[in-house]
Amino acid sequence: MSDIAEQRQRLQDLIAKLNDLGPVPEDIAQFTINANAVRKNDYLVRYNQIQSEIIDAYGEYVGFLEINTSSLLKLHGKMLDIIKVQLAK
């Protein structure tokens, strides 16, 4: 992904996916203790996987921003040099 809009959309999609999981399941009377434990474990595994994807996406997003910020700062420096040369004439 190279476009900032794509990065932002990926993050929004992952956060929506996490929110779609809903709250942590509560114990349900008709299930046994083991069934509830398995159900909660499944939920937590999915929740942690999505959180890991979000962390990875934020890492890529930050990297993208760092690269572009660095490029902008280099361009800014070059523009200042051009302005100095023009003013010196």
PDB file of N, CA and C in Angstrom:
ATOM      1  N   MET A   1       0.845  -1.184   0.000  1.00  0.00           N
ATOM      2  CA  MET A   1       0.000   0.000   0.000  1.00  0.00           C
ATOM      3  C   MET A   1       0.884   1.239   0.000  1.00  0.00           C
ATOM      4  N   SER A   2       0.614   2.106  -0.907  1.00  0.00           N
ATOM      5  CA  SER A   2       1.453   3.294  -0.972  1.00  0.00           C
ATOM      6  C   SER A   2       0.652   4.576  -0.809  1.00  0.00           C
ATOM      7  N   ASP A   3      -0.633   4.489  -0.898  1.00  0.00           N
ATOM      8  CA  ASP A   3      -1.458   5.676  -0.808  1.00  0.00           C
ATOM      9  C   ASP A   3      -1.955   5.859   0.622  1.00  0.00           C
ATOM     10  N   ILE A   4      -1.861   7.076   1.126  1.00  0.00           N
ATOM     11  CA  ILE A   4      -2.269   7.341   2.510  1.00  0.00           C
ATOM     12  C   ILE A   4      -3.754   7.050   2.711  1.00  0.00           C
ATOM     13  N   ALA A   5      -4.561   7.280   1.689  1.00  0.00           N
ATOM     14  CA  ALA A   5      -5.993   6.984   1.803  1.00  0.00           C
ATOM     15  C   ALA A   5      -6.221   5.480   1.958  1.00  0.00           C
ATOM     16  N   GLU A   6      -5.418   4.675   1.250  1.00  0.00           N
ATOM     17  CA  GLU A   6      -5.521   3.218   1.386  1.00  0.00           C
ATOM     18  C   GLU A   6      -5.111   2.778   2.786  1.00  0.00           C
ATOM     19  N   GLN A   7      -4.054   3.390   3.311  1.00  0.00           N
ATOM     20  CA  GLN A   7      -3.592   3.073   4.663  1.00  0.00           C
ATOM     21  C   GLN A   7      -4.689   3.385   5.672  1.00  0.00           C
ATOM     22  N   ARG A   8      -5.271   4.560   5.552  1.00  0.00           N
ATOM     23  CA  ARG A   8      -6.317   4.993   6.472  1.00  0.00           C
ATOM     24  C   ARG A   8      -7.535   4.074   6.373  1.00  0.00           C
ATOM     25  N   GLN A   9      -7.902   3.698   5.137  1.00  0.00           N
ATOM     26  CA  GLN A   9      -9.057   2.817   4.934  1.00  0.00           C
ATOM     27  C   GLN A   9      -8.806   1.442   5.547  1.00  0.00           C
ATOM     28  N   ARG A  10      -7.590   0.925   5.413  1.00  0.00           N
ATOM     29  CA  ARG A  10      -7.258  -0.376   6.006  1.00  0.00           C
ATOM     30  C   ARG A  10      -7.430  -0.321   7.516  1.00  0.00           C
ATOM     31  N   LEU A  11      -6.937   0.753   8.127  1.00  0.00           N
ATOM     32  CA  LEU A  11      -7.083   0.906   9.575  1.00  0.00           C
ATOM     33  C   LEU A  11      -8.552   0.995   9.968  1.00  0.00           C
ATOM     34  N   GLN A  12      -9.327   1.759   9.228  1.00  0.00           N
ATOM     35  CA  GLN A  12     -10.753   1.887   9.540  1.00  0.00           C
ATOM     36  C   GLN A  12     -11.468   0.548   9.395  1.00  0.00           C
ATOM     37  N   ASP A  13     -11.113  -0.218   8.370  1.00  0.00           N
ATOM     38  CA  ASP A  13     -11.726  -1.536   8.168  1.00  0.00           C
ATOM     39  C   ASP A  13     -11.388  -2.486   9.310  1.00  0.00           C
ATOM     40  N   LEU A  14     -10.127  -2.469   9.745  1.00  0.00           N
ATOM     41  CA  LEU A  14      -9.719  -3.353  10.838  1.00  0.00           C
ATOM     42  C   LEU A  14     -10.400  -2.966  12.148  1.00  0.00           C
ATOM     43  N   ILE A  15     -10.499  -1.679  12.410  1.00  0.00           N
ATOM     44  CA  ILE A  15     -11.159  -1.231  13.641  1.00  0.00           C
ATOM     45  C   ILE A  15     -12.643  -1.589  13.601  1.00  0.00           C
ATOM     46  N   ALA A  16     -13.271  -1.458  12.436  1.00  0.00           N
ATOM     47  CA  ALA A  16     -14.682  -1.854  12.299  1.00  0.00           C
ATOM     48  C   ALA A  16     -14.837  -3.355  12.515  1.00  0.00           C
ATOM     49  N   LYS A  17     -13.893  -4.129  11.994  1.00  0.00           N
ATOM     50  CA  LYS A  17     -13.911  -5.586  12.176  1.00  0.00           C
ATOM     51  C   LYS A  17     -13.806  -5.934  13.655  1.00  0.00           C
ATOM     52  N   LEU A  18     -12.945  -5.217  14.368  1.00  0.00           N
ATOM     53  CA  LEU A  18     -12.788  -5.438  15.804  1.00  0.00           C
ATOM     54  C   LEU A  18     -14.074  -5.076  16.537  1.00  0.00           C
ATOM     55  N   ASN A  19     -14.669  -3.958  16.178  1.00  0.00           N
ATOM     56  CA  ASN A  19     -15.919  -3.531  16.816  1.00  0.00           C
ATOM     57  C   ASN A  19     -17.068  -4.487  16.521  1.00  0.00           C
ATOM     58  N   ASP A  20     -17.041  -5.115  15.338  1.00  0.00           N
ATOM     59  CA  ASP A  20     -18.090  -6.068  14.966  1.00  0.00           C
ATOM     60  C   ASP A  20     -18.098  -7.306  15.854  1.00  0.00           C
ATOM     61  N   LEU A  21     -16.967  -7.590  16.480  1.00  0.00           N
ATOM     62  CA  LEU A  21     -16.931  -8.743  17.386  1.00  0.00           C
ATOM     63  C   LEU A  21     -17.855  -8.536  18.579  1.00  0.00           C
ATOM     64  N   GLY A  22     -18.095  -7.287  18.915  1.00  0.00           N
ATOM     65  CA  GLY A  22     -18.967  -6.991  20.052  1.00  0.00           C
ATOM     66  C   GLY A  22     -18.225  -7.194  21.361  1.00  0.00           C
ATOM     67  N   PRO A  23     -18.971  -7.172  22.460  1.00  0.00           N
ATOM     68  CA  PRO A  23     -18.343  -7.330  23.774  1.00  0.00           C
ATOM     69  C   PRO A  23     -17.924  -8.779  24.016  1.00  0.00           C
ATOM     70  N   VAL A  24     -17.076  -8.954  25.007  1.00  0.00           N
ATOM     71  CA  VAL A  24     -16.655 -10.302  25.394  1.00  0.00           C
ATOM     72  C   VAL A  24     -17.894 -11.092  25.791  1.00  0.00           C
ATOM     73  N   PRO A  25     -18.053 -12.305  25.243  1.00  0.00           N
ATOM     74  CA  PRO A  25     -19.244 -13.092  25.590  1.00  0.00           C
ATOM     75  C   PRO A  25     -19.311 -13.385  27.088  1.00  0.00           C
ATOM     76  N   GLU A  26     -20.478 -13.269  27.624  1.00  0.00           N
ATOM     77  CA  GLU A  26     -20.711 -13.590  29.031  1.00  0.00           C
ATOM     78  C   GLU A  26     -21.120 -15.052  29.127  1.00  0.00           C
ATOM     79  N   ASP A  27     -21.011 -15.594  30.327  1.00  0.00           N
ATOM     80  CA  ASP A  27     -21.448 -16.972  30.531  1.00  0.00           C
ATOM     81  C   ASP A  27     -22.936 -17.080  30.229  1.00  0.00           C
ATOM     82  N   ILE A  28     -23.300 -18.135  29.552  1.00  0.00           N
ATOM     83  CA  ILE A  28     -24.706 -18.382  29.243  1.00  0.00           C
ATOM     84  C   ILE A  28     -25.117 -19.623  30.029  1.00  0.00           C
ATOM     85  N   ALA A  29     -26.205 -19.527  30.740  1.00  0.00           N
ATOM     86  CA  ALA A  29     -26.626 -20.568  31.681  1.00  0.00           C
ATOM     87  C   ALA A  29     -26.727 -21.947  31.039  1.00  0.00           C
ATOM     88  N   GLN A  30     -27.205 -22.037  29.791  1.00  0.00           N
ATOM     89  CA  GLN A  30     -27.420 -23.349  29.203  1.00  0.00           C
ATOM     90  C   GLN A  30     -26.122 -24.029  28.750  1.00  0.00           C
ATOM     91  N   PHE A  31     -25.036 -23.297  28.716  1.00  0.00           N
ATOM     92  CA  PHE A  31     -23.758 -23.906  28.354  1.00  0.00           C
ATOM     93  C   PHE A  31     -23.022 -24.370  29.593  1.00  0.00           C
ATOM     94  N   THR A  32     -22.194 -25.353  29.411  1.00  0.00           N
ATOM     95  CA  THR A  32     -21.370 -25.802  30.531  1.00  0.00           C
ATOM     96  C   THR A  32     -20.213 -24.840  30.702  1.00  0.00           C
ATOM     97  N   ILE A  33     -19.518 -24.981  31.794  1.00  0.00           N
ATOM     98  CA  ILE A  33     -18.360 -24.110  32.065  1.00  0.00           C
ATOM     99  C   ILE A  33     -17.322 -24.256  30.957  1.00  0.00           C
ATOM    100  N   ASN A  34     -17.092 -25.476  30.513  1.00  0.00           N
ATOM    101  CA  ASN A  34     -16.101 -25.693  29.454  1.00  0.00           C
ATOM    102  C   ASN A  34     -16.521 -25.052  28.137  1.00  0.00           C
ATOM    103  N   ALA A  35     -17.784 -25.150  27.804  1.00  0.00           N
ATOM    104  CA  ALA A  35     -18.260 -24.545  26.558  1.00  0.00           C
ATOM    105  C   ALA A  35     -18.089 -23.029  26.605  1.00  0.00           C
ATOM    106  N   ASN A  36     -18.372 -22.438  27.748  1.00  0.00           N
ATOM    107  CA  ASN A  36     -18.196 -20.989  27.896  1.00  0.00           C
ATOM    108  C   ASN A  36     -16.727 -20.607  27.785  1.00  0.00           C
ATOM    109  N   ALA A  37     -15.859 -21.424  28.368  1.00  0.00           N
ATOM    110  CA  ALA A  37     -14.424 -21.142  28.309  1.00  0.00           C
ATOM    111  C   ALA A  37     -13.928 -21.215  26.864  1.00  0.00           C
ATOM    112  N   VAL A  38     -14.374 -22.223  26.128  1.00  0.00           N
ATOM    113  CA  VAL A  38     -13.979 -22.358  24.724  1.00  0.00           C
ATOM    114  C   VAL A  38     -14.501 -21.174  23.914  1.00  0.00           C
ATOM    115  N   ARG A  39     -15.712 -20.801  24.163  1.00  0.00           N
ATOM    116  CA  ARG A  39     -16.338 -19.681  23.454  1.00  0.00           C
ATOM    117  C   ARG A  39     -15.581 -18.377  23.718  1.00  0.00           C
ATOM    118  N   LYS A  40     -15.255 -18.132  24.975  1.00  0.00           N
ATOM    119  CA  LYS A  40     -14.495 -16.921  25.311  1.00  0.00           C
ATOM    120  C   LYS A  40     -13.103 -16.978  24.698  1.00  0.00           C
ATOM    121  N   ASN A  41     -12.489 -18.161  24.726  1.00  0.00           N
ATOM    122  CA  ASN A  41     -11.153 -18.308  24.161  1.00  0.00           C
ATOM    123  C   ASN A  41     -11.175 -18.013  22.659  1.00  0.00           C
ATOM    124  N   ASP A  42     -12.168 -18.538  21.958  1.00  0.00           N
ATOM    125  CA  ASP A  42     -12.298 -18.284  20.524  1.00  0.00           C
ATOM    126  C   ASP A  42     -12.443 -16.786  20.260  1.00  0.00           C
ATOM    127  N   TYR A  43     -13.255 -16.138  21.051  1.00  0.00           N
ATOM    128  CA  TYR A  43     -13.452 -14.691  20.922  1.00  0.00           C
ATOM    129  C   TYR A  43     -12.123 -13.958  21.141  1.00  0.00           C
ATOM    130  N   LEU A  44     -11.414 -14.316  22.199  1.00  0.00           N
ATOM    131  CA  LEU A  44     -10.163 -13.631  22.525  1.00  0.00           C
ATOM    132  C   LEU A  44      -9.097 -13.870  21.461  1.00  0.00           C
ATOM    133  N   VAL A  45      -9.064 -15.065  20.889  1.00  0.00           N
ATOM    134  CA  VAL A  45      -8.114 -15.347  19.809  1.00  0.00           C
ATOM    135  C   VAL A  45      -8.410 -14.441  18.614  1.00  0.00           C
ATOM    136  N   ARG A  46      -9.676 -14.361  18.201  1.00  0.00           N
ATOM    137  CA  ARG A  46     -10.044 -13.493  17.078  1.00  0.00           C
ATOM    138  C   ARG A  46      -9.750 -12.032  17.400  1.00  0.00           C
ATOM    139  N   TYR A  47     -10.072 -11.617  18.614  1.00  0.00           N
ATOM    140  CA  TYR A  47      -9.843 -10.239  19.046  1.00  0.00           C
ATOM    141  C   TYR A  47      -8.350  -9.898  18.975  1.00  0.00           C
ATOM    142  N   ASN A  48      -7.515 -10.796  19.491  1.00  0.00           N
ATOM    143  CA  ASN A  48      -6.070 -10.563  19.480  1.00  0.00           C
ATOM    144  C   ASN A  48      -5.505 -10.560  18.067  1.00  0.00           C
ATOM    145  N   GLN A  49      -6.029 -11.410  17.187  1.00  0.00           N
ATOM    146  CA  GLN A  49      -5.571 -11.421  15.799  1.00  0.00           C
ATOM    147  C   GLN A  49      -5.870 -10.086  15.123  1.00  0.00           C
ATOM    148  N   ILE A  50      -7.063  -9.579  15.340  1.00  0.00           N
ATOM    149  CA  ILE A  50      -7.431  -8.298  14.725  1.00  0.00           C
ATOM    150  C   ILE A  50      -6.597  -7.169  15.322  1.00  0.00           C
ATOM    151  N   GLN A  51      -6.370  -7.208  16.628  1.00  0.00           N
ATOM    152  CA  GLN A  51      -5.529  -6.178  17.251  1.00  0.00           C
ATOM    153  C   GLN A  51      -4.116  -6.221  16.678  1.00  0.00           C
ATOM    154  N   SER A  52      -3.592  -7.409  16.444  1.00  0.00           N
ATOM    155  CA  SER A  52      -2.260  -7.540  15.849  1.00  0.00           C
ATOM    156  C   SER A  52      -2.235  -6.946  14.445  1.00  0.00           C
ATOM    157  N   GLU A  53      -3.294  -7.190  13.673  1.00  0.00           N
ATOM    158  CA  GLU A  53      -3.381  -6.606  12.333  1.00  0.00           C
ATOM    159  C   GLU A  53      -3.429  -5.084  12.407  1.00  0.00           C
ATOM    160  N   ILE A  54      -4.149  -4.555  13.380  1.00  0.00           N
ATOM    161  CA  ILE A  54      -4.232  -3.099  13.552  1.00  0.00           C
ATOM    162  C   ILE A  54      -2.861  -2.533  13.893  1.00  0.00           C
ATOM    163  N   ILE A  55      -2.149  -3.199  14.781  1.00  0.00           N
ATOM    164  CA  ILE A  55      -0.808  -2.739  15.149  1.00  0.00           C
ATOM    165  C   ILE A  55       0.105  -2.752  13.929  1.00  0.00           C
ATOM    166  N   ASP A  56       0.045  -3.826  13.127  1.00  0.00           N
ATOM    167  CA  ASP A  56       0.846  -3.894  11.905  1.00  0.00           C
ATOM    168  C   ASP A  56       0.472  -2.772  10.937  1.00  0.00           C
ATOM    169  N   ALA A  57      -0.827  -2.535  10.794  1.00  0.00           N
ATOM    170  CA  ALA A  57      -1.288  -1.483   9.880  1.00  0.00           C
ATOM    171  C   ALA A  57      -0.812  -0.112  10.351  1.00  0.00           C
ATOM    172  N   TYR A  58      -0.870   0.132  11.660  1.00  0.00           N
ATOM    173  CA  TYR A  58      -0.366   1.403  12.183  1.00  0.00           C
ATOM    174  C   TYR A  58       1.134   1.526  11.943  1.00  0.00           C
ATOM    175  N   GLY A  59       1.862   0.424  12.073  1.00  0.00           N
ATOM    176  CA  GLY A  59       3.298   0.446  11.793  1.00  0.00           C
ATOM    177  C   GLY A  59       3.578   0.836  10.353  1.00  0.00           C
ATOM    178  N   GLU A  60       2.832   0.245   9.418  1.00  0.00           N
ATOM    179  CA  GLU A  60       2.986   0.592   8.004  1.00  0.00           C
ATOM    180  C   GLU A  60       2.598   2.050   7.759  1.00  0.00           C
ATOM    181  N   TYR A  61       1.537   2.483   8.400  1.00  0.00           N
ATOM    182  CA  TYR A  61       1.047   3.854   8.253  1.00  0.00           C
ATOM    183  C   TYR A  61       2.099   4.848   8.745  1.00  0.00           C
ATOM    184  N   VAL A  62       2.679   4.566   9.898  1.00  0.00           N
ATOM    185  CA  VAL A  62       3.717   5.444  10.451  1.00  0.00           C
ATOM    186  C   VAL A  62       4.936   5.458   9.534  1.00  0.00           C
ATOM    187  N   GLY A  63       5.324   4.290   9.031  1.00  0.00           N
ATOM    188  CA  GLY A  63       6.448   4.225   8.098  1.00  0.00           C
ATOM    189  C   GLY A  63       6.183   5.058   6.854  1.00  0.00           C
ATOM    190  N   PHE A  64       4.981   4.943   6.336  1.00  0.00           N
ATOM    191  CA  PHE A  64       4.580   5.725   5.169  1.00  0.00           C
ATOM    192  C   PHE A  64       4.682   7.219   5.472  1.00  0.00           C
ATOM    193  N   LEU A  65       4.182   7.622   6.631  1.00  0.00           N
ATOM    194  CA  LEU A  65       4.233   9.036   7.011  1.00  0.00           C
ATOM    195  C   LEU A  65       5.667   9.510   7.204  1.00  0.00           C
ATOM    196  N   GLU A  66       6.524   8.670   7.792  1.00  0.00           N
ATOM    197  CA  GLU A  66       7.926   9.053   7.995  1.00  0.00           C
ATOM    198  C   GLU A  66       8.633   9.268   6.664  1.00  0.00           C
ATOM    199  N   ILE A  67       8.413   8.360   5.724  1.00  0.00           N
ATOM    200  CA  ILE A  67       9.046   8.484   4.407  1.00  0.00           C
ATOM    201  C   ILE A  67       8.586   9.763   3.720  1.00  0.00           C
ATOM    202  N   ASN A  68       7.290  10.014   3.748  1.00  0.00           N
ATOM    203  CA  ASN A  68       6.764  11.201   3.074  1.00  0.00           C
ATOM    204  C   ASN A  68       7.155  12.487   3.780  1.00  0.00           C
ATOM    205  N   THR A  69       7.214  12.461   5.100  1.00  0.00           N
ATOM    206  CA  THR A  69       7.649  13.646   5.840  1.00  0.00           C
ATOM    207  C   THR A  69       9.105  13.952   5.520  1.00  0.00           C
ATOM    208  N   SER A  70       9.929  12.917   5.471  1.00  0.00           N
ATOM    209  CA  SER A  70      11.337  13.096   5.135  1.00  0.00           C
ATOM    210  C   SER A  70      11.478  13.690   3.736  1.00  0.00           C
ATOM    211  N   SER A  71      10.700  13.177   2.797  1.00  0.00           N
ATOM    212  CA  SER A  71      10.736  13.700   1.423  1.00  0.00           C
ATOM    213  C   SER A  71      10.309  15.161   1.384  1.00  0.00           C
ATOM    214  N   LEU A  72       9.276  15.487   2.141  1.00  0.00           N
ATOM    215  CA  LEU A  72       8.807  16.875   2.175  1.00  0.00           C
ATOM    216  C   LEU A  72       9.854  17.803   2.781  1.00  0.00           C
ATOM    217  N   LEU A  73      10.539  17.343   3.820  1.00  0.00           N
ATOM    218  CA  LEU A  73      11.571  18.170   4.443  1.00  0.00           C
ATOM    219  C   LEU A  73      12.742  18.394   3.487  1.00  0.00           C
ATOM    220  N   LYS A  74      13.120  17.364   2.732  1.00  0.00           N
ATOM    221  CA  LYS A  74      14.190  17.520   1.743  1.00  0.00           C
ATOM    222  C   LYS A  74      13.765  18.515   0.667  1.00  0.00           C
ATOM    223  N   LEU A  75      12.536  18.387   0.207  1.00  0.00           N
ATOM    224  CA  LEU A  75      12.006  19.301  -0.802  1.00  0.00           C
ATOM    225  C   LEU A  75      11.963  20.727  -0.261  1.00  0.00           C
ATOM    226  N   HIS A  76      11.571  20.877   0.992  1.00  0.00           N
ATOM    227  CA  HIS A  76      11.522  22.198   1.631  1.00  0.00           C
ATOM    228  C   HIS A  76      12.916  22.817   1.653  1.00  0.00           C
ATOM    229  N   GLY A  77      13.917  22.023   2.006  1.00  0.00           N
ATOM    230  CA  GLY A  77      15.293  22.521   2.026  1.00  0.00           C
ATOM    231  C   GLY A  77      15.756  22.963   0.653  1.00  0.00           C
ATOM    232  N   LYS A  78      15.431  22.181  -0.367  1.00  0.00           N
ATOM    233  CA  LYS A  78      15.812  22.545  -1.734  1.00  0.00           C
ATOM    234  C   LYS A  78      15.114  23.825  -2.170  1.00  0.00           C
ATOM    235  N   MET A  79      13.855  23.961  -1.789  1.00  0.00           N
ATOM    236  CA  MET A  79      13.115  25.170  -2.152  1.00  0.00           C
ATOM    237  C   MET A  79      13.717  26.396  -1.469  1.00  0.00           C
ATOM    238  N   LEU A  80      14.133  26.244  -0.218  1.00  0.00           N
ATOM    239  CA  LEU A  80      14.776  27.363   0.480  1.00  0.00           C
ATOM    240  C   LEU A  80      16.077  27.753  -0.209  1.00  0.00           C
ATOM    241  N   ASP A  81      16.844  26.758  -0.657  1.00  0.00           N
ATOM    242  CA  ASP A  81      18.089  27.046  -1.375  1.00  0.00           C
ATOM    243  C   ASP A  81      17.803  27.811  -2.667  1.00  0.00           C
ATOM    244  N   ILE A  82      16.765  27.409  -3.382  1.00  0.00           N
ATOM    245  CA  ILE A  82      16.393  28.092  -4.628  1.00  0.00           C
ATOM    246  C   ILE A  82      15.983  29.530  -4.335  1.00  0.00           C
ATOM    247  N   ILE A  83      15.214  29.723  -3.276  1.00  0.00           N
ATOM    248  CA  ILE A  83      14.780  31.077  -2.903  1.00  0.00           C
ATOM    249  C   ILE A  83      15.985  31.936  -2.540  1.00  0.00           C
ATOM    250  N   LYS A  84      16.944  31.376  -1.804  1.00  0.00           N
ATOM    251  CA  LYS A  84      18.149  32.128  -1.433  1.00  0.00           C
ATOM    252  C   LYS A  84      18.923  32.551  -2.670  1.00  0.00           C
ATOM    253  N   VAL A  85      19.044  31.640  -3.637  1.00  0.00           N
ATOM    254  CA  VAL A  85      19.755  31.963  -4.879  1.00  0.00           C
ATOM    255  C   VAL A  85      19.013  33.066  -5.633  1.00  0.00           C
ATOM    256  N   GLN A  86      17.695  32.965  -5.691  1.00  0.00           N
ATOM    257  CA  GLN A  86      16.899  33.970  -6.399  1.00  0.00           C
ATOM    258  C   GLN A  86      16.993  35.334  -5.716  1.00  0.00           C
ATOM    259  N   LEU A  87      17.003  35.342  -4.386  1.00  0.00           N
ATOM    260  CA  LEU A  87      17.096  36.607  -3.653  1.00  0.00           C
ATOM    261  C   LEU A  87      18.483  37.227  -3.778  1.00  0.00           C
ATOM    262  N   ALA A  88      19.493  36.398  -3.950  1.00  0.00           N
ATOM    263  CA  ALA A  88      20.859  36.899  -4.063  1.00  0.00           C
ATOM    264  C   ALA A  88      21.100  37.575  -5.410  1.00  0.00           C
ATOM    265  N   LYS A  89      20.270  37.306  -6.394  1.00  0.00           N
ATOM    266  CA  LYS A  89      20.458  37.894  -7.737  1.00  0.00           C
ATOM    267  C   LYS A  89      20.039  39.328  -7.787  1.00  0.00           C
TER     268      LYS A  89
END
